[in-house]
Amino acid sequence: MSASKALNLCVLVLFVAFTGWVLLHGGGLAEVIAAFGANPWITQVSLDLCIALALVCVWMWRDARARGASPLPWIVATLFTGSIAPLTYLLVRPTSAGEEL
């Protein structure tokens, strides 16, 4: 495993663990919606994340198509899991000889 994939795996495992903790202790959807409307910083960061994930989806689409794979499952997974799907895509996508992420 390359150093970049090992780092990616560490980030993915830590992020999934934190996401699980948040799901258990972070309250429900009502609290998320209330926070989104009550604090402009949360709104700004959320919109920034949406823009960044949209750019990642464009990259994943092009990358998967160039490799002859279907990008649709990764795009749908990104809509439901956020950064978890792109981090997983980076782990499982085949790399060309000499290519490093």
PDB file of N, CA and C in Angstrom:
ATOM      1  N   MET A   1       0.853  -1.182   0.000  1.00  0.00           N
ATOM      2  CA  MET A   1       0.000   0.000   0.000  1.00  0.00           C
ATOM      3  C   MET A   1       0.893   1.236   0.000  1.00  0.00           C
ATOM      4  N   SER A   2       0.581   2.161  -0.885  1.00  0.00           N
ATOM      5  CA  SER A   2       1.367   3.389  -0.978  1.00  0.00           C
ATOM      6  C   SER A   2       1.130   4.259   0.253  1.00  0.00           C
ATOM      7  N   ALA A   3       2.037   5.181   0.462  1.00  0.00           N
ATOM      8  CA  ALA A   3       1.925   6.088   1.607  1.00  0.00           C
ATOM      9  C   ALA A   3       0.664   6.940   1.513  1.00  0.00           C
ATOM     10  N   SER A   4       0.319   7.382   0.312  1.00  0.00           N
ATOM     11  CA  SER A   4      -0.874   8.213   0.169  1.00  0.00           C
ATOM     12  C   SER A   4      -2.146   7.414   0.458  1.00  0.00           C
ATOM     13  N   LYS A   5      -2.174   6.148   0.036  1.00  0.00           N
ATOM     14  CA  LYS A   5      -3.355   5.322   0.328  1.00  0.00           C
ATOM     15  C   LYS A   5      -3.427   4.999   1.819  1.00  0.00           C
ATOM     16  N   ALA A   6      -2.286   4.801   2.459  1.00  0.00           N
ATOM     17  CA  ALA A   6      -2.272   4.545   3.900  1.00  0.00           C
ATOM     18  C   ALA A   6      -2.789   5.766   4.664  1.00  0.00           C
ATOM     19  N   LEU A   7      -2.353   6.951   4.254  1.00  0.00           N
ATOM     20  CA  LEU A   7      -2.843   8.182   4.878  1.00  0.00           C
ATOM     21  C   LEU A   7      -4.341   8.340   4.641  1.00  0.00           C
ATOM     22  N   ASN A   8      -4.774   8.080   3.413  1.00  0.00           N
ATOM     23  CA  ASN A   8      -6.195   8.156   3.084  1.00  0.00           C
ATOM     24  C   ASN A   8      -6.999   7.193   3.950  1.00  0.00           C
ATOM     25  N   LEU A   9      -6.493   5.975   4.141  1.00  0.00           N
ATOM     26  CA  LEU A   9      -7.178   4.988   4.970  1.00  0.00           C
ATOM     27  C   LEU A   9      -7.289   5.479   6.413  1.00  0.00           C
ATOM     28  N   CYS A  10      -6.233   6.069   6.942  1.00  0.00           N
ATOM     29  CA  CYS A  10      -6.280   6.615   8.300  1.00  0.00           C
ATOM     30  C   CYS A  10      -7.329   7.711   8.425  1.00  0.00           C
ATOM     31  N   VAL A  11      -7.347   8.629   7.458  1.00  0.00           N
ATOM     32  CA  VAL A  11      -8.340   9.706   7.463  1.00  0.00           C
ATOM     33  C   VAL A  11      -9.748   9.119   7.384  1.00  0.00           C
ATOM     34  N   LEU A  12      -9.951   8.156   6.509  1.00  0.00           N
ATOM     35  CA  LEU A  12     -11.264   7.540   6.349  1.00  0.00           C
ATOM     36  C   LEU A  12     -11.719   6.865   7.638  1.00  0.00           C
ATOM     37  N   VAL A  13     -10.861   6.072   8.256  1.00  0.00           N
ATOM     38  CA  VAL A  13     -11.231   5.362   9.487  1.00  0.00           C
ATOM     39  C   VAL A  13     -11.564   6.356  10.604  1.00  0.00           C
ATOM     40  N   LEU A  14     -10.732   7.371  10.783  1.00  0.00           N
ATOM     41  CA  LEU A  14     -10.999   8.371  11.823  1.00  0.00           C
ATOM     42  C   LEU A  14     -12.283   9.144  11.544  1.00  0.00           C
ATOM     43  N   PHE A  15     -12.513   9.503  10.278  1.00  0.00           N
ATOM     44  CA  PHE A  15     -13.714  10.264   9.937  1.00  0.00           C
ATOM     45  C   PHE A  15     -14.973   9.424  10.115  1.00  0.00           C
ATOM     46  N   VAL A  16     -14.924   8.150   9.722  1.00  0.00           N
ATOM     47  CA  VAL A  16     -16.084   7.267   9.906  1.00  0.00           C
ATOM     48  C   VAL A  16     -16.355   7.074  11.400  1.00  0.00           C
ATOM     49  N   ALA A  17     -15.308   6.920  12.197  1.00  0.00           N
ATOM     50  CA  ALA A  17     -15.483   6.778  13.648  1.00  0.00           C
ATOM     51  C   ALA A  17     -16.118   8.034  14.240  1.00  0.00           C
ATOM     52  N   PHE A  18     -15.632   9.199  13.824  1.00  0.00           N
ATOM     53  CA  PHE A  18     -16.210  10.446  14.324  1.00  0.00           C
ATOM     54  C   PHE A  18     -17.650  10.598  13.871  1.00  0.00           C
ATOM     55  N   THR A  19     -17.938  10.252  12.621  1.00  0.00           N
ATOM     56  CA  THR A  19     -19.305  10.327  12.107  1.00  0.00           C
ATOM     57  C   THR A  19     -20.225   9.422  12.921  1.00  0.00           C
ATOM     58  N   GLY A  20     -19.763   8.218  13.243  1.00  0.00           N
ATOM     59  CA  GLY A  20     -20.555   7.318  14.076  1.00  0.00           C
ATOM     60  C   GLY A  20     -20.823   7.907  15.442  1.00  0.00           C
ATOM     61  N   TRP A  21     -19.804   8.533  16.040  1.00  0.00           N
ATOM     62  CA  TRP A  21     -19.972   9.163  17.342  1.00  0.00           C
ATOM     63  C   TRP A  21     -21.001  10.292  17.260  1.00  0.00           C
ATOM     64  N   VAL A  22     -20.903  11.107  16.217  1.00  0.00           N
ATOM     65  CA  VAL A  22     -21.843  12.217  16.050  1.00  0.00           C
ATOM     66  C   VAL A  22     -23.266  11.688  15.888  1.00  0.00           C
ATOM     67  N   LEU A  23     -23.433  10.625  15.103  1.00  0.00           N
ATOM     68  CA  LEU A  23     -24.769  10.055  14.917  1.00  0.00           C
ATOM     69  C   LEU A  23     -25.354   9.559  16.237  1.00  0.00           C
ATOM     70  N   LEU A  24     -24.504   9.042  17.120  1.00  0.00           N
ATOM     71  CA  LEU A  24     -24.982   8.548  18.411  1.00  0.00           C
ATOM     72  C   LEU A  24     -25.240   9.667  19.418  1.00  0.00           C
ATOM     73  N   HIS A  25     -24.415  10.716  19.401  1.00  0.00           N
ATOM     74  CA  HIS A  25     -24.474  11.728  20.449  1.00  0.00           C
ATOM     75  C   HIS A  25     -24.832  13.134  19.967  1.00  0.00           C
ATOM     76  N   GLY A  26     -24.970  13.333  18.692  1.00  0.00           N
ATOM     77  CA  GLY A  26     -25.115  14.691  18.172  1.00  0.00           C
ATOM     78  C   GLY A  26     -26.528  15.201  18.047  1.00  0.00           C
ATOM     79  N   GLY A  27     -27.496  14.459  18.507  1.00  0.00           N
ATOM     80  CA  GLY A  27     -28.874  14.910  18.372  1.00  0.00           C
ATOM     81  C   GLY A  27     -29.467  14.459  17.057  1.00  0.00           C
ATOM     82  N   GLY A  28     -30.680  14.851  16.840  1.00  0.00           N
ATOM     83  CA  GLY A  28     -31.391  14.427  15.648  1.00  0.00           C
ATOM     84  C   GLY A  28     -31.382  15.461  14.549  1.00  0.00           C
ATOM     85  N   LEU A  29     -32.127  15.155  13.510  1.00  0.00           N
ATOM     86  CA  LEU A  29     -32.197  16.031  12.342  1.00  0.00           C
ATOM     87  C   LEU A  29     -32.778  17.393  12.696  1.00  0.00           C
ATOM     88  N   ALA A  30     -33.689  17.446  13.652  1.00  0.00           N
ATOM     89  CA  ALA A  30     -34.287  18.727  14.049  1.00  0.00           C
ATOM     90  C   ALA A  30     -33.220  19.685  14.572  1.00  0.00           C
ATOM     91  N   GLU A  31     -32.258  19.168  15.349  1.00  0.00           N
ATOM     92  CA  GLU A  31     -31.185  20.012  15.867  1.00  0.00           C
ATOM     93  C   GLU A  31     -30.283  20.520  14.743  1.00  0.00           C
ATOM     94  N   VAL A  32     -30.039  19.669  13.757  1.00  0.00           N
ATOM     95  CA  VAL A  32     -29.208  20.070  12.626  1.00  0.00           C
ATOM     96  C   VAL A  32     -29.889  21.187  11.845  1.00  0.00           C
ATOM     97  N   ILE A  33     -31.169  21.031  11.577  1.00  0.00           N
ATOM     98  CA  ILE A  33     -31.915  22.047  10.834  1.00  0.00           C
ATOM     99  C   ILE A  33     -31.969  23.353  11.614  1.00  0.00           C
ATOM    100  N   ALA A  34     -32.189  23.275  12.928  1.00  0.00           N
ATOM    101  CA  ALA A  34     -32.240  24.485  13.756  1.00  0.00           C
ATOM    102  C   ALA A  34     -30.889  25.199  13.756  1.00  0.00           C
ATOM    103  N   ALA A  35     -29.804  24.450  13.866  1.00  0.00           N
ATOM    104  CA  ALA A  35     -28.472  25.061  13.869  1.00  0.00           C
ATOM    105  C   ALA A  35     -28.158  25.688  12.522  1.00  0.00           C
ATOM    106  N   PHE A  36     -28.584  25.029  11.437  1.00  0.00           N
ATOM    107  CA  PHE A  36     -28.306  25.537  10.096  1.00  0.00           C
ATOM    108  C   PHE A  36     -28.905  26.922   9.905  1.00  0.00           C
ATOM    109  N   GLY A  37     -30.127  27.116  10.361  1.00  0.00           N
ATOM    110  CA  GLY A  37     -30.786  28.406  10.185  1.00  0.00           C
ATOM    111  C   GLY A  37     -30.406  29.443  11.211  1.00  0.00           C
ATOM    112  N   ALA A  38     -29.912  29.017  12.376  1.00  0.00           N
ATOM    113  CA  ALA A  38     -29.656  29.948  13.471  1.00  0.00           C
ATOM    114  C   ALA A  38     -28.267  30.572  13.425  1.00  0.00           C
ATOM    115  N   ASN A  39     -27.325  29.927  12.779  1.00  0.00           N
ATOM    116  CA  ASN A  39     -25.953  30.410  12.815  1.00  0.00           C
ATOM    117  C   ASN A  39     -25.423  30.573  11.391  1.00  0.00           C
ATOM    118  N   PRO A  40     -25.091  31.804  10.992  1.00  0.00           N
ATOM    119  CA  PRO A  40     -24.599  32.020   9.626  1.00  0.00           C
ATOM    120  C   PRO A  40     -23.311  31.261   9.314  1.00  0.00           C
ATOM    121  N   TRP A  41     -22.451  31.027  10.323  1.00  0.00           N
ATOM    122  CA  TRP A  41     -21.219  30.274  10.075  1.00  0.00           C
ATOM    123  C   TRP A  41     -21.518  28.838   9.679  1.00  0.00           C
ATOM    124  N   ILE A  42     -22.490  28.223  10.325  1.00  0.00           N
ATOM    125  CA  ILE A  42     -22.860  26.849   9.972  1.00  0.00           C
ATOM    126  C   ILE A  42     -23.405  26.822   8.550  1.00  0.00           C
ATOM    127  N   THR A  43     -24.185  27.815   8.196  1.00  0.00           N
ATOM    128  CA  THR A  43     -24.716  27.905   6.831  1.00  0.00           C
ATOM    129  C   THR A  43     -23.579  28.051   5.829  1.00  0.00           C
ATOM    130  N   GLN A  44     -22.620  28.934   6.115  1.00  0.00           N
ATOM    131  CA  GLN A  44     -21.508  29.173   5.199  1.00  0.00           C
ATOM    132  C   GLN A  44     -20.658  27.920   5.029  1.00  0.00           C
ATOM    133  N   VAL A  45     -20.314  27.262   6.131  1.00  0.00           N
ATOM    134  CA  VAL A  45     -19.484  26.058   6.062  1.00  0.00           C
ATOM    135  C   VAL A  45     -20.222  24.947   5.325  1.00  0.00           C
ATOM    136  N   SER A  46     -21.517  24.827   5.549  1.00  0.00           N
ATOM    137  CA  SER A  46     -22.315  23.804   4.866  1.00  0.00           C
ATOM    138  C   SER A  46     -22.359  24.050   3.359  1.00  0.00           C
ATOM    139  N   LEU A  47     -22.560  25.300   2.974  1.00  0.00           N
ATOM    140  CA  LEU A  47     -22.571  25.627   1.545  1.00  0.00           C
ATOM    141  C   LEU A  47     -21.205  25.391   0.922  1.00  0.00           C
ATOM    142  N   ASP A  48     -20.139  25.735   1.646  1.00  0.00           N
ATOM    143  CA  ASP A  48     -18.785  25.496   1.164  1.00  0.00           C
ATOM    144  C   ASP A  48     -18.552  23.995   0.962  1.00  0.00           C
ATOM    145  N   LEU A  49     -19.015  23.183   1.901  1.00  0.00           N
ATOM    146  CA  LEU A  49     -18.884  21.737   1.772  1.00  0.00           C
ATOM    147  C   LEU A  49     -19.649  21.219   0.558  1.00  0.00           C
ATOM    148  N   CYS A  50     -20.842  21.750   0.322  1.00  0.00           N
ATOM    149  CA  CYS A  50     -21.621  21.327  -0.852  1.00  0.00           C
ATOM    150  C   CYS A  50     -20.898  21.661  -2.153  1.00  0.00           C
ATOM    151  N   ILE A  51     -20.312  22.844  -2.224  1.00  0.00           N
ATOM    152  CA  ILE A  51     -19.564  23.242  -3.420  1.00  0.00           C
ATOM    153  C   ILE A  51     -18.347  22.331  -3.603  1.00  0.00           C
ATOM    154  N   ALA A  52     -17.608  22.089  -2.520  1.00  0.00           N
ATOM    155  CA  ALA A  52     -16.424  21.235  -2.610  1.00  0.00           C
ATOM    156  C   ALA A  52     -16.798  19.817  -3.029  1.00  0.00           C
ATOM    157  N   LEU A  53     -17.864  19.267  -2.466  1.00  0.00           N
ATOM    158  CA  LEU A  53     -18.278  17.913  -2.839  1.00  0.00           C
ATOM    159  C   LEU A  53     -18.776  17.857  -4.278  1.00  0.00           C
ATOM    160  N   ALA A  54     -19.389  18.939  -4.753  1.00  0.00           N
ATOM    161  CA  ALA A  54     -19.809  18.975  -6.159  1.00  0.00           C
ATOM    162  C   ALA A  54     -18.577  18.913  -7.074  1.00  0.00           C
ATOM    163  N   LEU A  55     -17.535  19.644  -6.716  1.00  0.00           N
ATOM    164  CA  LEU A  55     -16.296  19.599  -7.499  1.00  0.00           C
ATOM    165  C   LEU A  55     -15.659  18.213  -7.441  1.00  0.00           C
ATOM    166  N   VAL A  56     -15.693  17.583  -6.280  1.00  0.00           N
ATOM    167  CA  VAL A  56     -15.164  16.224  -6.147  1.00  0.00           C
ATOM    168  C   VAL A  56     -15.976  15.257  -7.008  1.00  0.00           C
ATOM    169  N   CYS A  57     -17.288  15.436  -7.043  1.00  0.00           N
ATOM    170  CA  CYS A  57     -18.139  14.568  -7.870  1.00  0.00           C
ATOM    171  C   CYS A  57     -17.804  14.708  -9.351  1.00  0.00           C
ATOM    172  N   VAL A  58     -17.545  15.938  -9.795  1.00  0.00           N
ATOM    173  CA  VAL A  58     -17.141  16.145 -11.192  1.00  0.00           C
ATOM    174  C   VAL A  58     -15.841  15.405 -11.458  1.00  0.00           C
ATOM    175  N   TRP A  59     -14.869  15.518 -10.548  1.00  0.00           N
ATOM    176  CA  TRP A  59     -13.606  14.816 -10.726  1.00  0.00           C
ATOM    177  C   TRP A  59     -13.810  13.298 -10.730  1.00  0.00           C
ATOM    178  N   MET A  60     -14.606  12.789  -9.772  1.00  0.00           N
ATOM    179  CA  MET A  60     -14.841  11.338  -9.718  1.00  0.00           C
ATOM    180  C   MET A  60     -15.513  10.859 -10.992  1.00  0.00           C
ATOM    181  N   TRP A  61     -16.470  11.637 -11.500  1.00  0.00           N
ATOM    182  CA  TRP A  61     -17.169  11.269 -12.733  1.00  0.00           C
ATOM    183  C   TRP A  61     -16.166  11.104 -13.873  1.00  0.00           C
ATOM    184  N   ARG A  62     -15.332  12.121 -14.055  1.00  0.00           N
ATOM    185  CA  ARG A  62     -14.345  12.082 -15.141  1.00  0.00           C
ATOM    186  C   ARG A  62     -13.321  10.972 -14.933  1.00  0.00           C
ATOM    187  N   ASP A  63     -12.859  10.801 -13.704  1.00  0.00           N
ATOM    188  CA  ASP A  63     -11.849   9.793 -13.410  1.00  0.00           C
ATOM    189  C   ASP A  63     -12.396   8.381 -13.617  1.00  0.00           C
ATOM    190  N   ALA A  64     -13.579   8.118 -13.109  1.00  0.00           N
ATOM    191  CA  ALA A  64     -14.169   6.781 -13.261  1.00  0.00           C
ATOM    192  C   ALA A  64     -14.434   6.477 -14.733  1.00  0.00           C
ATOM    193  N   ARG A  65     -14.967   7.445 -15.468  1.00  0.00           N
ATOM    194  CA  ARG A  65     -15.232   7.236 -16.903  1.00  0.00           C
ATOM    195  C   ARG A  65     -13.935   6.968 -17.665  1.00  0.00           C
ATOM    196  N   ALA A  66     -12.882   7.690 -17.326  1.00  0.00           N
ATOM    197  CA  ALA A  66     -11.592   7.489 -17.993  1.00  0.00           C
ATOM    198  C   ALA A  66     -11.036   6.100 -17.709  1.00  0.00           C
ATOM    199  N   ARG A  67     -11.418   5.522 -16.586  1.00  0.00           N
ATOM    200  CA  ARG A  67     -10.943   4.185 -16.218  1.00  0.00           C
ATOM    201  C   ARG A  67     -11.923   3.093 -16.638  1.00  0.00           C
ATOM    202  N   GLY A  68     -13.009   3.487 -17.323  1.00  0.00           N
ATOM    203  CA  GLY A  68     -13.975   2.517 -17.807  1.00  0.00           C
ATOM    204  C   GLY A  68     -14.930   2.005 -16.741  1.00  0.00           C
ATOM    205  N   ALA A  69     -15.072   2.738 -15.645  1.00  0.00           N
ATOM    206  CA  ALA A  69     -15.971   2.339 -14.556  1.00  0.00           C
ATOM    207  C   ALA A  69     -17.185   3.265 -14.539  1.00  0.00           C
ATOM    208  N   SER A  70     -18.244   2.805 -13.904  1.00  0.00           N
ATOM    209  CA  SER A  70     -19.437   3.628 -13.760  1.00  0.00           C
ATOM    210  C   SER A  70     -19.273   4.558 -12.561  1.00  0.00           C
ATOM    211  N   PRO A  71     -19.396   5.855 -12.774  1.00  0.00           N
ATOM    212  CA  PRO A  71     -19.255   6.788 -11.659  1.00  0.00           C
ATOM    213  C   PRO A  71     -20.542   6.957 -10.852  1.00  0.00           C
ATOM    214  N   LEU A  72     -21.663   6.520 -11.389  1.00  0.00           N
ATOM    215  CA  LEU A  72     -22.956   6.789 -10.755  1.00  0.00           C
ATOM    216  C   LEU A  72     -23.055   6.281  -9.317  1.00  0.00           C
ATOM    217  N   PRO A  73     -22.610   5.057  -9.000  1.00  0.00           N
ATOM    218  CA  PRO A  73     -22.706   4.635  -7.599  1.00  0.00           C
ATOM    219  C   PRO A  73     -21.929   5.536  -6.641  1.00  0.00           C
ATOM    220  N   TRP A  74     -20.801   6.064  -7.099  1.00  0.00           N
ATOM    221  CA  TRP A  74     -19.994   6.928  -6.248  1.00  0.00           C
ATOM    222  C   TRP A  74     -20.648   8.288  -6.041  1.00  0.00           C
ATOM    223  N   ILE A  75     -21.300   8.788  -7.088  1.00  0.00           N
ATOM    224  CA  ILE A  75     -21.992  10.076  -6.969  1.00  0.00           C
ATOM    225  C   ILE A  75     -23.172   9.944  -6.008  1.00  0.00           C
ATOM    226  N   VAL A  76     -23.958   8.876  -6.173  1.00  0.00           N
ATOM    227  CA  VAL A  76     -25.104   8.644  -5.282  1.00  0.00           C
ATOM    228  C   VAL A  76     -24.621   8.455  -3.843  1.00  0.00           C
ATOM    229  N   ALA A  77     -23.560   7.675  -3.670  1.00  0.00           N
ATOM    230  CA  ALA A  77     -23.030   7.454  -2.325  1.00  0.00           C
ATOM    231  C   ALA A  77     -22.550   8.762  -1.698  1.00  0.00           C
ATOM    232  N   THR A  78     -21.984   9.647  -2.501  1.00  0.00           N
ATOM    233  CA  THR A  78     -21.534  10.941  -1.989  1.00  0.00           C
ATOM    234  C   THR A  78     -22.725  11.764  -1.505  1.00  0.00           C
ATOM    235  N   LEU A  79     -23.840  11.691  -2.208  1.00  0.00           N
ATOM    236  CA  LEU A  79     -25.036  12.426  -1.785  1.00  0.00           C
ATOM    237  C   LEU A  79     -25.514  11.963  -0.411  1.00  0.00           C
ATOM    238  N   PHE A  80     -25.328  10.680  -0.100  1.00  0.00           N
ATOM    239  CA  PHE A  80     -25.817  10.130   1.167  1.00  0.00           C
ATOM    240  C   PHE A  80     -24.776  10.104   2.276  1.00  0.00           C
ATOM    241  N   THR A  81     -23.486  10.045   1.920  1.00  0.00           N
ATOM    242  CA  THR A  81     -22.458   9.897   2.961  1.00  0.00           C
ATOM    243  C   THR A  81     -21.472  11.056   3.013  1.00  0.00           C
ATOM    244  N   GLY A  82     -21.590  12.010   2.111  1.00  0.00           N
ATOM    245  CA  GLY A  82     -20.640  13.124   2.113  1.00  0.00           C
ATOM    246  C   GLY A  82     -19.247  12.651   1.727  1.00  0.00           C
ATOM    247  N   SER A  83     -18.264  13.031   2.497  1.00  0.00           N
ATOM    248  CA  SER A  83     -16.863  12.766   2.176  1.00  0.00           C
ATOM    249  C   SER A  83     -16.470  11.294   2.266  1.00  0.00           C
ATOM    250  N   ILE A  84     -17.274  10.481   2.918  1.00  0.00           N
ATOM    251  CA  ILE A  84     -16.927   9.069   3.082  1.00  0.00           C
ATOM    252  C   ILE A  84     -16.809   8.375   1.720  1.00  0.00           C
ATOM    253  N   ALA A  85     -17.728   8.636   0.805  1.00  0.00           N
ATOM    254  CA  ALA A  85     -17.681   7.979  -0.512  1.00  0.00           C
ATOM    255  C   ALA A  85     -16.440   8.386  -1.322  1.00  0.00           C
ATOM    256  N   PRO A  86     -16.111   9.665  -1.444  1.00  0.00           N
ATOM    257  CA  PRO A  86     -14.892  10.008  -2.183  1.00  0.00           C
ATOM    258  C   PRO A  86     -13.623   9.457  -1.536  1.00  0.00           C
ATOM    259  N   LEU A  87     -13.560   9.444  -0.218  1.00  0.00           N
ATOM    260  CA  LEU A  87     -12.393   8.861   0.450  1.00  0.00           C
ATOM    261  C   LEU A  87     -12.283   7.372   0.139  1.00  0.00           C
ATOM    262  N   THR A  88     -13.411   6.684   0.111  1.00  0.00           N
ATOM    263  CA  THR A  88     -13.411   5.258  -0.233  1.00  0.00           C
ATOM    264  C   THR A  88     -13.033   5.062  -1.696  1.00  0.00           C
ATOM    265  N   TYR A  89     -13.554   5.916  -2.581  1.00  0.00           N
ATOM    266  CA  TYR A  89     -13.216   5.842  -4.003  1.00  0.00           C
ATOM    267  C   TYR A  89     -11.706   5.942  -4.202  1.00  0.00           C
ATOM    268  N   LEU A  90     -11.077   6.868  -3.483  1.00  0.00           N
ATOM    269  CA  LEU A  90      -9.629   7.025  -3.606  1.00  0.00           C
ATOM    270  C   LEU A  90      -8.879   5.770  -3.168  1.00  0.00           C
ATOM    271  N   LEU A  91      -9.447   5.017  -2.230  1.00  0.00           N
ATOM    272  CA  LEU A  91      -8.803   3.781  -1.778  1.00  0.00           C
ATOM    273  C   LEU A  91      -8.950   2.650  -2.780  1.00  0.00           C
ATOM    274  N   VAL A  92     -10.116   2.541  -3.413  1.00  0.00           N
ATOM    275  CA  VAL A  92     -10.392   1.361  -4.240  1.00  0.00           C
ATOM    276  C   VAL A  92     -10.123   1.573  -5.724  1.00  0.00           C
ATOM    277  N   ARG A  93      -9.971   2.810  -6.162  1.00  0.00           N
ATOM    278  CA  ARG A  93      -9.743   3.033  -7.593  1.00  0.00           C
ATOM    279  C   ARG A  93      -8.376   2.492  -7.987  1.00  0.00           C
ATOM    280  N   PRO A  94      -8.311   1.842  -9.124  1.00  0.00           N
ATOM    281  CA  PRO A  94      -7.000   1.350  -9.576  1.00  0.00           C
ATOM    282  C   PRO A  94      -6.114   2.527  -9.989  1.00  0.00           C
ATOM    283  N   THR A  95      -4.855   2.429  -9.698  1.00  0.00           N
ATOM    284  CA  THR A  95      -3.926   3.482 -10.101  1.00  0.00           C
ATOM    285  C   THR A  95      -3.050   2.958 -11.231  1.00  0.00           C
ATOM    286  N   SER A  96      -2.648   3.841 -12.088  1.00  0.00           N
ATOM    287  CA  SER A  96      -1.728   3.497 -13.168  1.00  0.00           C
ATOM    288  C   SER A  96      -0.338   3.303 -12.590  1.00  0.00           C
ATOM    289  N   ALA A  97       0.504   2.628 -13.329  1.00  0.00           N
ATOM    290  CA  ALA A  97       1.875   2.431 -12.882  1.00  0.00           C
ATOM    291  C   ALA A  97       2.549   3.787 -12.723  1.00  0.00           C
ATOM    292  N   GLY A  98       3.125   4.015 -11.589  1.00  0.00           N
ATOM    293  CA  GLY A  98       3.827   5.259 -11.338  1.00  0.00           C
ATOM    294  C   GLY A  98       2.925   6.399 -10.899  1.00  0.00           C
ATOM    295  N   GLU A  99       1.608   6.184 -10.905  1.00  0.00           N
ATOM    296  CA  GLU A  99       0.696   7.249 -10.508  1.00  0.00           C
ATOM    297  C   GLU A  99       0.602   7.271  -8.990  1.00  0.00           C
ATOM    298  N   GLU A 100       0.674   8.447  -8.441  1.00  0.00           N
ATOM    299  CA  GLU A 100       0.558   8.629  -6.995  1.00  0.00           C
ATOM    300  C   GLU A 100      -0.481   9.708  -6.750  1.00  0.00           C
ATOM    301  N   LEU A 101      -1.334   9.489  -5.764  1.00  0.00           N
ATOM    302  CA  LEU A 101      -2.355  10.491  -5.432  1.00  0.00           C
ATOM    303  C   LEU A 101      -1.845  11.430  -4.388  1.00  0.00           C
TER     304      LEU A 101
END
